[in-house]
Amino acid sequence: MKYLLVGLGNIGPEYANTRHNIGFMVLDHLAKKHEVSFDTGRHSFVTEFKTKGKHFTLVKPTTYMNLSGKAVAHWLSSLKIPASQMLVITDDLALPFGKLRMRAKGSAGGHNGLKHIEETLGNNEYPRLRFGVDAQFSKGRQVDYVLSPFSPDEQIDLPTHIEKAAEMCISFGAIGLERTMNFFNK
């Protein structure tokens, strides 16, 4: 059984440890843990590994956030994986920092990466893992906030939250969406 894990983010060192790049950070953690490296693929950096009898392909789109759907569409098609076996990992302003929520589908909620994936696929019915980054910004400063690094206080607990998100990604493939949501969404 094959699964596609798509971490949303932006390429380039200026975005490396920003809130908007949490999807990249989770996939980087998984790659390191499973001792694999990313190669340049079509519209993305890509790697793969097997664990718990499942095959995982990890994709970090190189199209920048607003065109994430291009990479998603390509990899779903080329790997012949249904959208139900894809998990998109993304930042979420509506959740407190570190809160993790897996969902079977949902709205883009103003997130440009999710919006483009929805437009490209023609629906919003694909699983996603929302990683809470909180919304500690003043009016009109949302872009600056998501493109800024986590605060020093947040950085203390960030590795723990990233590890939990990585566990949820593997669980998604190993025991399925519903059981993973029941176990982790609290």
C-alpha atoms as a PDB file:
ATOM      1  CA  MET A   1       0.000   0.000   0.000  1.00  0.00           C
ATOM      2  CA  LYS A   2       1.391   3.400  -1.037  1.00  0.00           C
ATOM      3  CA  TYR A   3       0.898   6.737   0.730  1.00  0.00           C
ATOM      4  CA  LEU A   4       1.798  10.267  -0.275  1.00  0.00           C
ATOM      5  CA  LEU A   5       2.803  12.752   2.418  1.00  0.00           C
ATOM      6  CA  VAL A   6       2.878  16.352   1.206  1.00  0.00           C
ATOM      7  CA  GLY A   7       4.443  18.955   3.487  1.00  0.00           C
ATOM      8  CA  LEU A   8       3.538  22.512   2.569  1.00  0.00           C
ATOM      9  CA  GLY A   9       6.112  25.281   2.694  1.00  0.00           C
ATOM     10  CA  ASN A  10       8.268  27.626   0.659  1.00  0.00           C
ATOM     11  CA  ILE A  11      11.732  26.889  -0.692  1.00  0.00           C
ATOM     12  CA  GLY A  12      14.714  29.075   0.127  1.00  0.00           C
ATOM     13  CA  PRO A  13      16.775  29.757   3.241  1.00  0.00           C
ATOM     14  CA  GLU A  14      14.734  32.846   4.137  1.00  0.00           C
ATOM     15  CA  TYR A  15      11.706  30.592   4.757  1.00  0.00           C
ATOM     16  CA  ALA A  16      13.513  27.632   6.331  1.00  0.00           C
ATOM     17  CA  ASN A  17      12.272  27.772   9.926  1.00  0.00           C
ATOM     18  CA  THR A  18       9.140  29.845   9.548  1.00  0.00           C
ATOM     19  CA  ARG A  19       5.648  28.930  10.709  1.00  0.00           C
ATOM     20  CA  HIS A  20       4.459  28.563   7.113  1.00  0.00           C
ATOM     21  CA  ASN A  21       7.122  25.868   6.567  1.00  0.00           C
ATOM     22  CA  ILE A  22       5.998  23.490   9.306  1.00  0.00           C
ATOM     23  CA  GLY A  23       4.975  20.939   6.648  1.00  0.00           C
ATOM     24  CA  PHE A  24       8.561  20.879   5.340  1.00  0.00           C
ATOM     25  CA  MET A  25       9.880  20.584   8.910  1.00  0.00           C
ATOM     26  CA  VAL A  26       7.709  17.539   9.662  1.00  0.00           C
ATOM     27  CA  LEU A  27       8.836  15.790   6.455  1.00  0.00           C
ATOM     28  CA  ASP A  28      12.484  16.682   7.130  1.00  0.00           C
ATOM     29  CA  HIS A  29      12.097  15.055  10.555  1.00  0.00           C
ATOM     30  CA  LEU A  30      10.582  11.901   9.008  1.00  0.00           C
ATOM     31  CA  ALA A  31      13.342  11.713   6.377  1.00  0.00           C
ATOM     32  CA  LYS A  32      16.059  12.041   9.009  1.00  0.00           C
ATOM     33  CA  LYS A  33      14.390   9.464  11.255  1.00  0.00           C
ATOM     34  CA  HIS A  34      14.171   6.953   8.376  1.00  0.00           C
ATOM     35  CA  GLU A  35      17.660   7.815   7.095  1.00  0.00           C
ATOM     36  CA  VAL A  36      16.653   8.994   3.629  1.00  0.00           C
ATOM     37  CA  SER A  37      17.449  12.215   1.744  1.00  0.00           C
ATOM     38  CA  PHE A  38      15.406  14.360  -0.565  1.00  0.00           C
ATOM     39  CA  ASP A  39      16.190  14.498  -4.287  1.00  0.00           C
ATOM     40  CA  THR A  40      14.928  16.991  -6.814  1.00  0.00           C
ATOM     41  CA  GLY A  41      11.767  15.720  -8.497  1.00  0.00           C
ATOM     42  CA  ARG A  42       9.087  17.259 -10.652  1.00  0.00           C
ATOM     43  CA  HIS A  43       7.747  20.390  -8.908  1.00  0.00           C
ATOM     44  CA  SER A  44       9.246  19.195  -5.623  1.00  0.00           C
ATOM     45  CA  PHE A  45      11.874  17.643  -3.437  1.00  0.00           C
ATOM     46  CA  VAL A  46      10.985  13.979  -3.003  1.00  0.00           C
ATOM     47  CA  THR A  47      12.087  10.909  -1.065  1.00  0.00           C
ATOM     48  CA  GLU A  48      10.574   7.628   0.017  1.00  0.00           C
ATOM     49  CA  PHE A  49      10.859   4.891   2.605  1.00  0.00           C
ATOM     50  CA  LYS A  50       9.033   1.809   3.820  1.00  0.00           C
ATOM     51  CA  THR A  51       7.918   1.211   7.380  1.00  0.00           C
ATOM     52  CA  LYS A  52       5.254  -0.906   9.044  1.00  0.00           C
ATOM     53  CA  GLY A  53       4.684  -2.667   5.714  1.00  0.00           C
ATOM     54  CA  LYS A  54       3.692   0.586   3.986  1.00  0.00           C
ATOM     55  CA  HIS A  55       5.435   2.637   1.311  1.00  0.00           C
ATOM     56  CA  PHE A  56       5.601   6.402   1.947  1.00  0.00           C
ATOM     57  CA  THR A  57       6.555   9.016  -0.628  1.00  0.00           C
ATOM     58  CA  LEU A  58       7.390  12.402   0.910  1.00  0.00           C
ATOM     59  CA  VAL A  59       6.948  15.507  -1.238  1.00  0.00           C
ATOM     60  CA  LYS A  60       7.975  19.090  -0.485  1.00  0.00           C
ATOM     61  CA  PRO A  61       6.624  21.262  -3.341  1.00  0.00           C
ATOM     62  CA  THR A  62       9.149  23.653  -4.909  1.00  0.00           C
ATOM     63  CA  THR A  63       6.375  25.702  -6.500  1.00  0.00           C
ATOM     64  CA  TYR A  64       6.044  27.958  -3.454  1.00  0.00           C
ATOM     65  CA  MET A  65       2.957  27.782  -1.286  1.00  0.00           C
ATOM     66  CA  ASN A  66       0.467  29.408  -3.657  1.00  0.00           C
ATOM     67  CA  LEU A  67       1.010  26.773  -6.384  1.00  0.00           C
ATOM     68  CA  SER A  68       1.242  23.646  -4.212  1.00  0.00           C
ATOM     69  CA  GLY A  69      -1.496  21.934  -6.237  1.00  0.00           C
ATOM     70  CA  LYS A  70       0.858  21.480  -9.206  1.00  0.00           C
ATOM     71  CA  ALA A  71       3.121  19.158  -7.218  1.00  0.00           C
ATOM     72  CA  VAL A  72       0.174  17.370  -5.602  1.00  0.00           C
ATOM     73  CA  ALA A  73      -1.519  16.668  -8.931  1.00  0.00           C
ATOM     74  CA  HIS A  74       1.707  15.441 -10.508  1.00  0.00           C
ATOM     75  CA  TRP A  75       2.613  13.008  -7.721  1.00  0.00           C
ATOM     76  CA  LEU A  76      -0.906  11.652  -7.232  1.00  0.00           C
ATOM     77  CA  SER A  77      -1.073  10.952 -10.959  1.00  0.00           C
ATOM     78  CA  SER A  78       2.436   9.588 -11.474  1.00  0.00           C
ATOM     79  CA  LEU A  79       2.289   7.313  -8.405  1.00  0.00           C
ATOM     80  CA  LYS A  80      -1.334   6.333  -9.095  1.00  0.00           C
ATOM     81  CA  ILE A  81      -2.307   7.102  -5.510  1.00  0.00           C
ATOM     82  CA  PRO A  82      -5.896   8.143  -4.712  1.00  0.00           C
ATOM     83  CA  ALA A  83      -6.314  11.442  -2.840  1.00  0.00           C
ATOM     84  CA  SER A  84      -7.651   9.448   0.135  1.00  0.00           C
ATOM     85  CA  GLN A  85      -4.129   8.013   0.587  1.00  0.00           C
ATOM     86  CA  MET A  86      -2.492  11.434   0.577  1.00  0.00           C
ATOM     87  CA  LEU A  87      -1.921  13.470   3.727  1.00  0.00           C
ATOM     88  CA  VAL A  88      -1.164  17.193   3.431  1.00  0.00           C
ATOM     89  CA  ILE A  89       0.707  18.691   6.404  1.00  0.00           C
ATOM     90  CA  THR A  90       0.074  22.405   6.846  1.00  0.00           C
ATOM     91  CA  ASP A  91       0.254  25.282   9.296  1.00  0.00           C
ATOM     92  CA  ASP A  92      -3.024  26.501  10.816  1.00  0.00           C
ATOM     93  CA  LEU A  93      -3.621  29.901  12.393  1.00  0.00           C
ATOM     94  CA  ALA A  94      -6.952  28.801  13.900  1.00  0.00           C
ATOM     95  CA  LEU A  95      -5.299  26.293  16.240  1.00  0.00           C
ATOM     96  CA  PRO A  96      -3.156  27.094  19.288  1.00  0.00           C
ATOM     97  CA  PHE A  97       0.576  26.532  18.867  1.00  0.00           C
ATOM     98  CA  GLY A  98       1.417  22.822  18.753  1.00  0.00           C
ATOM     99  CA  LYS A  99      -2.184  21.591  18.563  1.00  0.00           C
ATOM    100  CA  LEU A 100      -2.498  18.882  15.913  1.00  0.00           C
ATOM    101  CA  ARG A 101      -5.714  18.009  14.086  1.00  0.00           C
ATOM    102  CA  MET A 102      -6.113  15.408  11.382  1.00  0.00           C
ATOM    103  CA  ARG A 103      -9.174  15.744   9.152  1.00  0.00           C
ATOM    104  CA  ALA A 104     -10.560  13.719   6.237  1.00  0.00           C
ATOM    105  CA  LYS A 105     -11.480  16.888   4.328  1.00  0.00           C
ATOM    106  CA  GLY A 106     -12.273  20.527   4.936  1.00  0.00           C
ATOM    107  CA  SER A 107     -12.106  24.076   3.721  1.00  0.00           C
ATOM    108  CA  ALA A 108      -8.911  25.883   2.855  1.00  0.00           C
ATOM    109  CA  GLY A 109      -9.680  28.340   5.646  1.00  0.00           C
ATOM    110  CA  GLY A 110      -7.882  31.133   3.810  1.00  0.00           C
ATOM    111  CA  HIS A 111      -4.691  29.058   3.415  1.00  0.00           C
ATOM    112  CA  ASN A 112      -3.345  29.680  -0.095  1.00  0.00           C
ATOM    113  CA  GLY A 113      -1.566  26.326  -0.361  1.00  0.00           C
ATOM    114  CA  LEU A 114      -4.717  24.383   0.504  1.00  0.00           C
ATOM    115  CA  LYS A 115      -6.756  26.662  -1.741  1.00  0.00           C
ATOM    116  CA  HIS A 116      -4.550  25.842  -4.744  1.00  0.00           C
ATOM    117  CA  ILE A 117      -4.659  22.105  -4.014  1.00  0.00           C
ATOM    118  CA  GLU A 118      -8.465  22.332  -3.833  1.00  0.00           C
ATOM    119  CA  GLU A 119      -8.617  24.248  -7.133  1.00  0.00           C
ATOM    120  CA  THR A 120      -6.259  21.781  -8.828  1.00  0.00           C
ATOM    121  CA  LEU A 121      -8.024  18.634  -7.595  1.00  0.00           C
ATOM    122  CA  GLY A 122     -11.502  20.144  -8.053  1.00  0.00           C
ATOM    123  CA  ASN A 123     -12.533  19.306  -4.476  1.00  0.00           C
ATOM    124  CA  ASN A 124     -11.481  19.575  -0.839  1.00  0.00           C
ATOM    125  CA  GLU A 125     -11.835  15.874  -0.065  1.00  0.00           C
ATOM    126  CA  TYR A 126      -8.299  14.909   0.855  1.00  0.00           C
ATOM    127  CA  PRO A 127      -6.869  14.247   4.322  1.00  0.00           C
ATOM    128  CA  ARG A 128      -4.829  16.928   6.001  1.00  0.00           C
ATOM    129  CA  LEU A 129      -2.865  17.331   9.201  1.00  0.00           C
ATOM    130  CA  ARG A 130      -3.268  20.830  10.582  1.00  0.00           C
ATOM    131  CA  PHE A 131      -0.391  22.015  12.805  1.00  0.00           C
ATOM    132  CA  GLY A 132      -1.401  24.898  15.045  1.00  0.00           C
ATOM    133  CA  VAL A 133       0.805  27.983  14.831  1.00  0.00           C
ATOM    134  CA  ASP A 134      -1.593  30.279  16.740  1.00  0.00           C
ATOM    135  CA  ALA A 135      -2.563  33.757  15.554  1.00  0.00           C
ATOM    136  CA  GLN A 136      -0.469  36.170  17.607  1.00  0.00           C
ATOM    137  CA  PHE A 137      -0.374  39.046  15.140  1.00  0.00           C
ATOM    138  CA  SER A 138      -2.011  42.440  14.800  1.00  0.00           C
ATOM    139  CA  LYS A 139      -4.503  43.268  12.062  1.00  0.00           C
ATOM    140  CA  GLY A 140      -2.950  43.189   8.601  1.00  0.00           C
ATOM    141  CA  ARG A 141       0.214  41.403   9.786  1.00  0.00           C
ATOM    142  CA  GLN A 142      -0.772  37.789   8.997  1.00  0.00           C
ATOM    143  CA  VAL A 143       1.756  37.369   6.165  1.00  0.00           C
ATOM    144  CA  ASP A 144       4.608  38.705   8.295  1.00  0.00           C
ATOM    145  CA  TYR A 145       3.558  36.372  11.114  1.00  0.00           C
ATOM    146  CA  VAL A 146       3.431  33.128   9.120  1.00  0.00           C
ATOM    147  CA  LEU A 147       6.690  34.003   7.339  1.00  0.00           C
ATOM    148  CA  SER A 148       8.508  34.619  10.628  1.00  0.00           C
ATOM    149  CA  PRO A 149      10.338  32.046  12.764  1.00  0.00           C
ATOM    150  CA  PHE A 150       8.764  30.449  15.801  1.00  0.00           C
ATOM    151  CA  SER A 151       9.346  32.438  18.984  1.00  0.00           C
ATOM    152  CA  PRO A 152      12.121  31.344  21.386  1.00  0.00           C
ATOM    153  CA  ASP A 153       9.441  30.000  23.770  1.00  0.00           C
ATOM    154  CA  GLU A 154       7.767  28.027  20.956  1.00  0.00           C
ATOM    155  CA  GLN A 155      11.123  26.625  19.821  1.00  0.00           C
ATOM    156  CA  ILE A 156      11.485  24.855  23.182  1.00  0.00           C
ATOM    157  CA  ASP A 157       8.453  22.616  22.531  1.00  0.00           C
ATOM    158  CA  LEU A 158       8.614  22.591  18.720  1.00  0.00           C
ATOM    159  CA  PRO A 159      10.641  19.327  18.411  1.00  0.00           C
ATOM    160  CA  THR A 160       8.085  17.473  20.563  1.00  0.00           C
ATOM    161  CA  HIS A 161       5.184  18.697  18.422  1.00  0.00           C
ATOM    162  CA  ILE A 162       7.041  17.855  15.202  1.00  0.00           C
ATOM    163  CA  GLU A 163       7.727  14.316  16.505  1.00  0.00           C
ATOM    164  CA  LYS A 164       4.037  13.849  17.326  1.00  0.00           C
ATOM    165  CA  ALA A 165       3.056  15.106  13.857  1.00  0.00           C
ATOM    166  CA  ALA A 166       5.515  12.620  12.325  1.00  0.00           C
ATOM    167  CA  GLU A 167       3.965   9.792  14.382  1.00  0.00           C
ATOM    168  CA  MET A 168       0.531  10.823  13.105  1.00  0.00           C
ATOM    169  CA  CYS A 169       1.779  10.678   9.490  1.00  0.00           C
ATOM    170  CA  ILE A 170       3.020   7.100   9.915  1.00  0.00           C
ATOM    171  CA  SER A 171      -0.130   6.133  11.818  1.00  0.00           C
ATOM    172  CA  PHE A 172      -2.224   7.482   8.916  1.00  0.00           C
ATOM    173  CA  GLY A 173      -0.657   4.835   6.677  1.00  0.00           C
ATOM    174  CA  ALA A 174      -0.321   2.077   9.278  1.00  0.00           C
ATOM    175  CA  ILE A 175      -3.793   2.073  10.889  1.00  0.00           C
ATOM    176  CA  GLY A 176      -5.806   4.440   8.697  1.00  0.00           C
ATOM    177  CA  LEU A 177      -7.349   7.868   8.910  1.00  0.00           C
ATOM    178  CA  GLU A 178     -10.265   7.156  11.261  1.00  0.00           C
ATOM    179  CA  ARG A 179      -8.267   5.232  13.850  1.00  0.00           C
ATOM    180  CA  THR A 180      -5.469   7.812  13.746  1.00  0.00           C
ATOM    181  CA  MET A 181      -7.968  10.649  14.283  1.00  0.00           C
ATOM    182  CA  ASN A 182      -9.585   8.761  17.174  1.00  0.00           C
ATOM    183  CA  PHE A 183      -6.227   8.123  18.795  1.00  0.00           C
ATOM    184  CA  PHE A 184      -4.501  11.497  18.297  1.00  0.00           C
ATOM    185  CA  ASN A 185      -7.250  14.148  17.953  1.00  0.00           C
ATOM    186  CA  LYS A 186      -8.030  15.095  21.521  1.00  0.00           C
END
